[in-house]
Amino acid sequence: MSQVTVIINGREYRMACEDGQETHLMRLAKDIDQRIEQLRGNFGEIGDTRLTVMAALTLADELVEIGKRLRLVEEELTALQDARVVSADRAKATQAAVAAALNAASDRIEGLTRRLNQTIGNGGGVMG
């Protein structure tokens, strides 16, 4: 475990974090500090605790909104995946229909060729 000192609202806090997460933790602390400073600019000196609570509520609100957006994106993704499956099934059905039509056409051509060869072979005349 690593130890990092962060500054939030003018106060230093010694925090533990996983090795390699130091920079991430420092960025998070800086974001919270900036939010508190912005709230202080908007509302003045209303007390450290109230500013901290307001910053936490702002973050919680953003998290809820992001969660809602994530659920909508997941629903859209599921719909797109379902559409892809339907599309793939239609493509397979179309390929099968085309193959069947080509086989039927090939069978008809072979049948016509046999009849034509029989007609020519039975003295039916030569086309010229």
N, C-alpha and C. Protein backbone atom coordinates (compact mmCIF):
# COMPACT_ATOMS: atom_id res chain seq x y z
N MET A 1 0.84 -1.18 0.00
CA MET A 1 0.00 0.00 0.00
C MET A 1 0.88 1.24 0.00
N SER A 2 0.46 2.22 -0.77
CA SER A 2 1.17 3.49 -0.82
C SER A 2 0.46 4.50 0.06
N GLN A 3 1.17 5.52 0.42
CA GLN A 3 0.61 6.63 1.20
C GLN A 3 0.73 7.89 0.36
N VAL A 4 -0.34 8.68 0.32
CA VAL A 4 -0.36 9.93 -0.44
C VAL A 4 -0.95 11.00 0.46
N THR A 5 -0.39 12.19 0.38
CA THR A 5 -0.95 13.33 1.10
C THR A 5 -1.70 14.18 0.08
N VAL A 6 -2.98 14.40 0.33
CA VAL A 6 -3.79 15.23 -0.56
C VAL A 6 -4.27 16.45 0.23
N ILE A 7 -4.57 17.50 -0.51
CA ILE A 7 -5.06 18.72 0.12
C ILE A 7 -6.47 18.98 -0.41
N ILE A 8 -7.42 19.03 0.52
CA ILE A 8 -8.81 19.32 0.19
C ILE A 8 -9.27 20.43 1.13
N ASN A 9 -9.76 21.49 0.53
CA ASN A 9 -10.28 22.62 1.29
C ASN A 9 -9.23 23.17 2.27
N GLY A 10 -7.99 23.21 1.80
CA GLY A 10 -6.92 23.78 2.61
C GLY A 10 -6.38 22.88 3.69
N ARG A 11 -6.87 21.67 3.77
CA ARG A 11 -6.41 20.74 4.81
C ARG A 11 -5.70 19.55 4.16
N GLU A 12 -4.65 19.10 4.82
CA GLU A 12 -3.91 17.94 4.33
C GLU A 12 -4.50 16.67 4.93
N TYR A 13 -4.59 15.64 4.08
CA TYR A 13 -5.09 14.34 4.52
C TYR A 13 -4.12 13.28 4.00
N ARG A 14 -3.69 12.43 4.90
CA ARG A 14 -2.81 11.31 4.51
C ARG A 14 -3.72 10.14 4.18
N MET A 15 -3.59 9.66 2.95
CA MET A 15 -4.48 8.60 2.46
C MET A 15 -3.66 7.40 2.01
N ALA A 16 -4.21 6.23 2.19
CA ALA A 16 -3.59 5.00 1.68
C ALA A 16 -4.29 4.62 0.38
N CYS A 17 -3.51 4.06 -0.52
CA CYS A 17 -4.09 3.59 -1.79
C CYS A 17 -3.26 2.44 -2.33
N GLU A 18 -3.79 1.76 -3.30
CA GLU A 18 -3.07 0.68 -3.95
C GLU A 18 -1.84 1.25 -4.65
N ASP A 19 -0.79 0.46 -4.71
CA ASP A 19 0.41 0.89 -5.44
C ASP A 19 0.02 1.20 -6.89
N GLY A 20 0.51 2.32 -7.39
CA GLY A 20 0.22 2.72 -8.76
C GLY A 20 -1.00 3.61 -8.88
N GLN A 21 -1.77 3.76 -7.81
CA GLN A 21 -2.99 4.58 -7.85
C GLN A 21 -2.79 5.97 -7.25
N GLU A 22 -1.56 6.30 -6.93
CA GLU A 22 -1.28 7.58 -6.26
C GLU A 22 -1.75 8.77 -7.10
N THR A 23 -1.38 8.79 -8.36
CA THR A 23 -1.75 9.91 -9.23
C THR A 23 -3.27 10.02 -9.38
N HIS A 24 -3.92 8.90 -9.50
CA HIS A 24 -5.38 8.88 -9.61
C HIS A 24 -6.03 9.47 -8.36
N LEU A 25 -5.55 9.04 -7.19
CA LEU A 25 -6.09 9.56 -5.93
C LEU A 25 -5.86 11.06 -5.81
N MET A 26 -4.69 11.51 -6.25
CA MET A 26 -4.40 12.94 -6.18
C MET A 26 -5.32 13.74 -7.11
N ARG A 27 -5.62 13.18 -8.29
CA ARG A 27 -6.55 13.85 -9.21
C ARG A 27 -7.95 13.93 -8.62
N LEU A 28 -8.38 12.86 -7.98
CA LEU A 28 -9.70 12.86 -7.35
C LEU A 28 -9.78 13.93 -6.26
N ALA A 29 -8.74 14.00 -5.44
CA ALA A 29 -8.72 14.99 -4.37
C ALA A 29 -8.72 16.40 -4.95
N LYS A 30 -7.97 16.60 -6.02
CA LYS A 30 -7.92 17.92 -6.66
C LYS A 30 -9.30 18.29 -7.20
N ASP A 31 -10.01 17.33 -7.79
CA ASP A 31 -11.36 17.59 -8.30
C ASP A 31 -12.30 18.01 -7.17
N ILE A 32 -12.24 17.30 -6.06
CA ILE A 32 -13.09 17.66 -4.91
C ILE A 32 -12.72 19.05 -4.40
N ASP A 33 -11.42 19.33 -4.30
CA ASP A 33 -10.97 20.64 -3.83
C ASP A 33 -11.47 21.75 -4.76
N GLN A 34 -11.40 21.52 -6.06
CA GLN A 34 -11.87 22.52 -7.01
C GLN A 34 -13.38 22.73 -6.90
N ARG A 35 -14.10 21.67 -6.68
CA ARG A 35 -15.56 21.79 -6.52
C ARG A 35 -15.89 22.63 -5.27
N ILE A 36 -15.17 22.37 -4.21
CA ILE A 36 -15.40 23.13 -2.97
C ILE A 36 -15.08 24.61 -3.21
N GLU A 37 -13.99 24.88 -3.90
CA GLU A 37 -13.63 26.27 -4.20
C GLU A 37 -14.69 26.94 -5.07
N GLN A 38 -15.22 26.22 -6.04
CA GLN A 38 -16.27 26.77 -6.89
C GLN A 38 -17.53 27.08 -6.07
N LEU A 39 -17.90 26.15 -5.20
CA LEU A 39 -19.06 26.38 -4.34
C LEU A 39 -18.81 27.58 -3.41
N ARG A 40 -17.60 27.68 -2.90
CA ARG A 40 -17.26 28.83 -2.04
C ARG A 40 -17.41 30.13 -2.83
N GLY A 41 -16.99 30.12 -4.09
CA GLY A 41 -17.14 31.30 -4.95
C GLY A 41 -18.59 31.64 -5.20
N ASN A 42 -19.43 30.61 -5.32
CA ASN A 42 -20.85 30.83 -5.60
C ASN A 42 -21.63 31.22 -4.35
N PHE A 43 -21.30 30.64 -3.21
CA PHE A 43 -22.12 30.82 -2.01
C PHE A 43 -21.41 31.56 -0.88
N GLY A 44 -20.12 31.83 -1.05
CA GLY A 44 -19.38 32.52 0.01
C GLY A 44 -18.98 31.56 1.11
N GLU A 45 -18.57 32.12 2.22
CA GLU A 45 -18.13 31.32 3.36
C GLU A 45 -19.36 30.85 4.14
N ILE A 46 -19.81 29.67 3.82
CA ILE A 46 -20.99 29.13 4.50
C ILE A 46 -20.62 28.00 5.46
N GLY A 47 -19.33 27.81 5.66
CA GLY A 47 -18.86 26.76 6.56
C GLY A 47 -18.25 25.61 5.79
N ASP A 48 -17.12 25.14 6.33
CA ASP A 48 -16.40 24.05 5.66
C ASP A 48 -17.24 22.78 5.52
N THR A 49 -17.93 22.45 6.57
CA THR A 49 -18.72 21.22 6.53
C THR A 49 -19.82 21.32 5.49
N ARG A 50 -20.51 22.43 5.46
CA ARG A 50 -21.59 22.62 4.48
C ARG A 50 -21.03 22.58 3.05
N LEU A 51 -19.89 23.23 2.81
CA LEU A 51 -19.27 23.20 1.48
C LEU A 51 -18.90 21.78 1.08
N THR A 52 -18.35 21.04 2.04
CA THR A 52 -17.96 19.65 1.76
C THR A 52 -19.19 18.80 1.45
N VAL A 53 -20.25 18.99 2.23
CA VAL A 53 -21.49 18.24 1.98
C VAL A 53 -22.07 18.62 0.61
N MET A 54 -22.05 19.89 0.29
CA MET A 54 -22.57 20.32 -1.01
C MET A 54 -21.75 19.72 -2.15
N ALA A 55 -20.43 19.68 -2.00
CA ALA A 55 -19.57 19.06 -3.02
C ALA A 55 -19.90 17.57 -3.15
N ALA A 56 -20.09 16.90 -2.03
CA ALA A 56 -20.43 15.47 -2.05
C ALA A 56 -21.78 15.25 -2.73
N LEU A 57 -22.75 16.12 -2.44
CA LEU A 57 -24.07 15.99 -3.07
C LEU A 57 -23.99 16.24 -4.57
N THR A 58 -23.16 17.20 -4.96
CA THR A 58 -22.96 17.47 -6.39
C THR A 58 -22.37 16.24 -7.08
N LEU A 59 -21.38 15.64 -6.46
CA LEU A 59 -20.78 14.42 -7.02
C LEU A 59 -21.79 13.28 -7.07
N ALA A 60 -22.58 13.13 -6.01
CA ALA A 60 -23.59 12.06 -5.98
C ALA A 60 -24.62 12.28 -7.08
N ASP A 61 -25.03 13.53 -7.30
CA ASP A 61 -25.99 13.84 -8.35
C ASP A 61 -25.42 13.49 -9.72
N GLU A 62 -24.17 13.87 -9.95
CA GLU A 62 -23.53 13.53 -11.22
C GLU A 62 -23.44 12.02 -11.41
N LEU A 63 -23.13 11.31 -10.34
CA LEU A 63 -23.04 9.85 -10.41
C LEU A 63 -24.38 9.23 -10.76
N VAL A 64 -25.46 9.74 -10.16
CA VAL A 64 -26.80 9.22 -10.47
C VAL A 64 -27.14 9.48 -11.94
N GLU A 65 -26.85 10.68 -12.42
CA GLU A 65 -27.14 11.02 -13.82
C GLU A 65 -26.33 10.15 -14.78
N ILE A 66 -25.06 9.94 -14.45
CA ILE A 66 -24.22 9.08 -15.29
C ILE A 66 -24.75 7.65 -15.27
N GLY A 67 -25.22 7.19 -14.11
CA GLY A 67 -25.82 5.85 -14.01
C GLY A 67 -27.04 5.72 -14.90
N LYS A 68 -27.88 6.76 -14.92
CA LYS A 68 -29.07 6.75 -15.79
C LYS A 68 -28.65 6.68 -17.26
N ARG A 69 -27.67 7.50 -17.62
CA ARG A 69 -27.20 7.51 -19.01
C ARG A 69 -26.59 6.17 -19.38
N LEU A 70 -25.86 5.57 -18.44
CA LEU A 70 -25.25 4.28 -18.69
C LEU A 70 -26.33 3.22 -18.94
N ARG A 71 -27.38 3.24 -18.14
CA ARG A 71 -28.47 2.27 -18.34
C ARG A 71 -29.13 2.46 -19.71
N LEU A 72 -29.32 3.71 -20.13
CA LEU A 72 -29.89 3.97 -21.46
C LEU A 72 -28.97 3.45 -22.56
N VAL A 73 -27.68 3.69 -22.40
CA VAL A 73 -26.72 3.21 -23.40
C VAL A 73 -26.71 1.68 -23.43
N GLU A 74 -26.79 1.06 -22.26
CA GLU A 74 -26.83 -0.41 -22.20
C GLU A 74 -28.08 -0.93 -22.89
N GLU A 75 -29.22 -0.26 -22.69
CA GLU A 75 -30.46 -0.67 -23.35
C GLU A 75 -30.34 -0.52 -24.86
N GLU A 76 -29.73 0.60 -25.30
CA GLU A 76 -29.53 0.80 -26.74
C GLU A 76 -28.59 -0.27 -27.30
N LEU A 77 -27.55 -0.59 -26.55
CA LEU A 77 -26.61 -1.61 -26.99
C LEU A 77 -27.31 -2.97 -27.12
N THR A 78 -28.13 -3.30 -26.14
CA THR A 78 -28.89 -4.56 -26.20
C THR A 78 -29.80 -4.58 -27.42
N ALA A 79 -30.48 -3.45 -27.68
CA ALA A 79 -31.36 -3.38 -28.85
C ALA A 79 -30.56 -3.54 -30.14
N LEU A 80 -29.38 -2.91 -30.20
CA LEU A 80 -28.54 -3.04 -31.39
C LEU A 80 -28.04 -4.48 -31.57
N GLN A 81 -27.68 -5.11 -30.45
CA GLN A 81 -27.24 -6.51 -30.53
C GLN A 81 -28.38 -7.40 -31.00
N ASP A 82 -29.59 -7.16 -30.50
CA ASP A 82 -30.75 -7.93 -30.94
C ASP A 82 -31.01 -7.71 -32.43
N ALA A 83 -30.89 -6.44 -32.87
CA ALA A 83 -31.10 -6.12 -34.29
C ALA A 83 -30.04 -6.80 -35.15
N ARG A 84 -28.80 -6.87 -34.63
CA ARG A 84 -27.73 -7.53 -35.38
C ARG A 84 -28.05 -9.02 -35.55
N VAL A 85 -28.56 -9.65 -34.50
CA VAL A 85 -28.91 -11.06 -34.57
C VAL A 85 -30.02 -11.27 -35.60
N VAL A 86 -31.05 -10.41 -35.54
CA VAL A 86 -32.16 -10.51 -36.51
C VAL A 86 -31.63 -10.31 -37.92
N SER A 87 -30.75 -9.32 -38.09
CA SER A 87 -30.18 -9.04 -39.40
C SER A 87 -29.36 -10.22 -39.91
N ALA A 88 -28.58 -10.82 -39.03
CA ALA A 88 -27.78 -11.98 -39.42
C ALA A 88 -28.69 -13.15 -39.81
N ASP A 89 -29.78 -13.34 -39.07
CA ASP A 89 -30.73 -14.40 -39.41
C ASP A 89 -31.38 -14.14 -40.77
N ARG A 90 -31.73 -12.87 -41.01
CA ARG A 90 -32.31 -12.52 -42.32
C ARG A 90 -31.31 -12.73 -43.44
N ALA A 91 -30.06 -12.39 -43.18
CA ALA A 91 -29.02 -12.57 -44.20
C ALA A 91 -28.86 -14.06 -44.52
N LYS A 92 -28.88 -14.90 -43.48
CA LYS A 92 -28.77 -16.35 -43.71
C LYS A 92 -29.97 -16.85 -44.51
N ALA A 93 -31.17 -16.36 -44.16
CA ALA A 93 -32.37 -16.76 -44.88
C ALA A 93 -32.31 -16.30 -46.33
N THR A 94 -31.81 -15.09 -46.55
CA THR A 94 -31.68 -14.57 -47.91
C THR A 94 -30.68 -15.40 -48.69
N GLN A 95 -29.55 -15.73 -48.07
CA GLN A 95 -28.55 -16.56 -48.74
C GLN A 95 -29.12 -17.92 -49.10
N ALA A 96 -29.88 -18.49 -48.19
CA ALA A 96 -30.51 -19.79 -48.45
C ALA A 96 -31.50 -19.68 -49.60
N ALA A 97 -32.29 -18.61 -49.63
CA ALA A 97 -33.27 -18.42 -50.70
C ALA A 97 -32.58 -18.22 -52.04
N VAL A 98 -31.50 -17.44 -52.05
CA VAL A 98 -30.74 -17.22 -53.29
C VAL A 98 -30.13 -18.54 -53.76
N ALA A 99 -29.56 -19.29 -52.84
CA ALA A 99 -28.97 -20.60 -53.20
C ALA A 99 -30.04 -21.52 -53.75
N ALA A 100 -31.21 -21.55 -53.14
CA ALA A 100 -32.30 -22.40 -53.62
C ALA A 100 -32.75 -21.96 -55.01
N ALA A 101 -32.85 -20.63 -55.21
CA ALA A 101 -33.26 -20.13 -56.52
C ALA A 101 -32.23 -20.47 -57.58
N LEU A 102 -30.95 -20.35 -57.26
CA LEU A 102 -29.89 -20.70 -58.22
C LEU A 102 -29.90 -22.20 -58.52
N ASN A 103 -30.12 -23.03 -57.50
CA ASN A 103 -30.20 -24.48 -57.72
C ASN A 103 -31.39 -24.84 -58.60
N ALA A 104 -32.53 -24.17 -58.35
CA ALA A 104 -33.72 -24.43 -59.17
C ALA A 104 -33.47 -24.00 -60.61
N ALA A 105 -32.84 -22.84 -60.79
CA ALA A 105 -32.53 -22.37 -62.14
C ALA A 105 -31.56 -23.33 -62.82
N SER A 106 -30.57 -23.79 -62.08
CA SER A 106 -29.61 -24.74 -62.63
C SER A 106 -30.30 -26.04 -63.04
N ASP A 107 -31.22 -26.53 -62.20
CA ASP A 107 -31.97 -27.75 -62.54
C ASP A 107 -32.79 -27.55 -63.80
N ARG A 108 -33.45 -26.39 -63.94
CA ARG A 108 -34.25 -26.11 -65.13
C ARG A 108 -33.37 -26.05 -66.38
N ILE A 109 -32.21 -25.40 -66.25
CA ILE A 109 -31.29 -25.31 -67.39
C ILE A 109 -30.80 -26.69 -67.79
N GLU A 110 -30.46 -27.52 -66.79
CA GLU A 110 -30.02 -28.89 -67.10
C GLU A 110 -31.14 -29.68 -67.77
N GLY A 111 -32.37 -29.50 -67.28
CA GLY A 111 -33.51 -30.19 -67.89
C GLY A 111 -33.73 -29.74 -69.32
N LEU A 112 -33.66 -28.45 -69.58
CA LEU A 112 -33.81 -27.93 -70.94
C LEU A 112 -32.69 -28.44 -71.84
N THR A 113 -31.49 -28.49 -71.29
CA THR A 113 -30.34 -28.98 -72.06
C THR A 113 -30.55 -30.44 -72.43
N ARG A 114 -31.02 -31.27 -71.51
CA ARG A 114 -31.28 -32.70 -71.80
C ARG A 114 -32.34 -32.85 -72.90
N ARG A 115 -33.43 -32.07 -72.75
CA ARG A 115 -34.49 -32.16 -73.76
C ARG A 115 -33.99 -31.71 -75.13
N LEU A 116 -33.20 -30.64 -75.12
CA LEU A 116 -32.66 -30.14 -76.38
C LEU A 116 -31.73 -31.17 -77.00
N ASN A 117 -30.88 -31.81 -76.18
CA ASN A 117 -29.98 -32.84 -76.69
C ASN A 117 -30.77 -34.05 -77.20
N GLN A 118 -31.86 -34.39 -76.53
CA GLN A 118 -32.69 -35.52 -76.98
C GLN A 118 -33.36 -35.17 -78.31
N THR A 119 -33.82 -33.95 -78.42
CA THR A 119 -34.49 -33.52 -79.65
C THR A 119 -33.49 -33.54 -80.81
N ILE A 120 -32.29 -33.06 -80.59
CA ILE A 120 -31.28 -33.04 -81.63
C ILE A 120 -30.83 -34.45 -81.93
N GLY A 121 -30.71 -35.29 -80.92
CA GLY A 121 -30.25 -36.68 -81.09
C GLY A 121 -31.29 -37.54 -81.78
N ASN A 122 -32.56 -37.20 -81.73
CA ASN A 122 -33.63 -38.01 -82.34
C ASN A 122 -33.94 -37.52 -83.75
N GLY A 123 -33.06 -36.75 -84.34
CA GLY A 123 -33.28 -36.29 -85.69
C GLY A 123 -34.26 -35.17 -85.77
N GLY A 124 -34.37 -34.44 -84.73
CA GLY A 124 -35.33 -33.36 -84.70
C GLY A 124 -34.89 -32.17 -85.53
N GLY A 125 -33.76 -32.27 -86.13
CA GLY A 125 -33.29 -31.17 -86.96
C GLY A 125 -32.12 -30.46 -86.30
N VAL A 126 -31.38 -29.83 -87.17
CA VAL A 126 -30.23 -29.11 -86.69
C VAL A 126 -30.51 -27.64 -86.82
N MET A 127 -30.22 -26.95 -85.79
CA MET A 127 -30.46 -25.51 -85.84
C MET A 127 -29.26 -24.87 -86.52
N GLY A 128 -29.48 -23.98 -87.37
CA GLY A 128 -28.35 -23.45 -88.06
C GLY A 128 -28.46 -22.06 -88.35
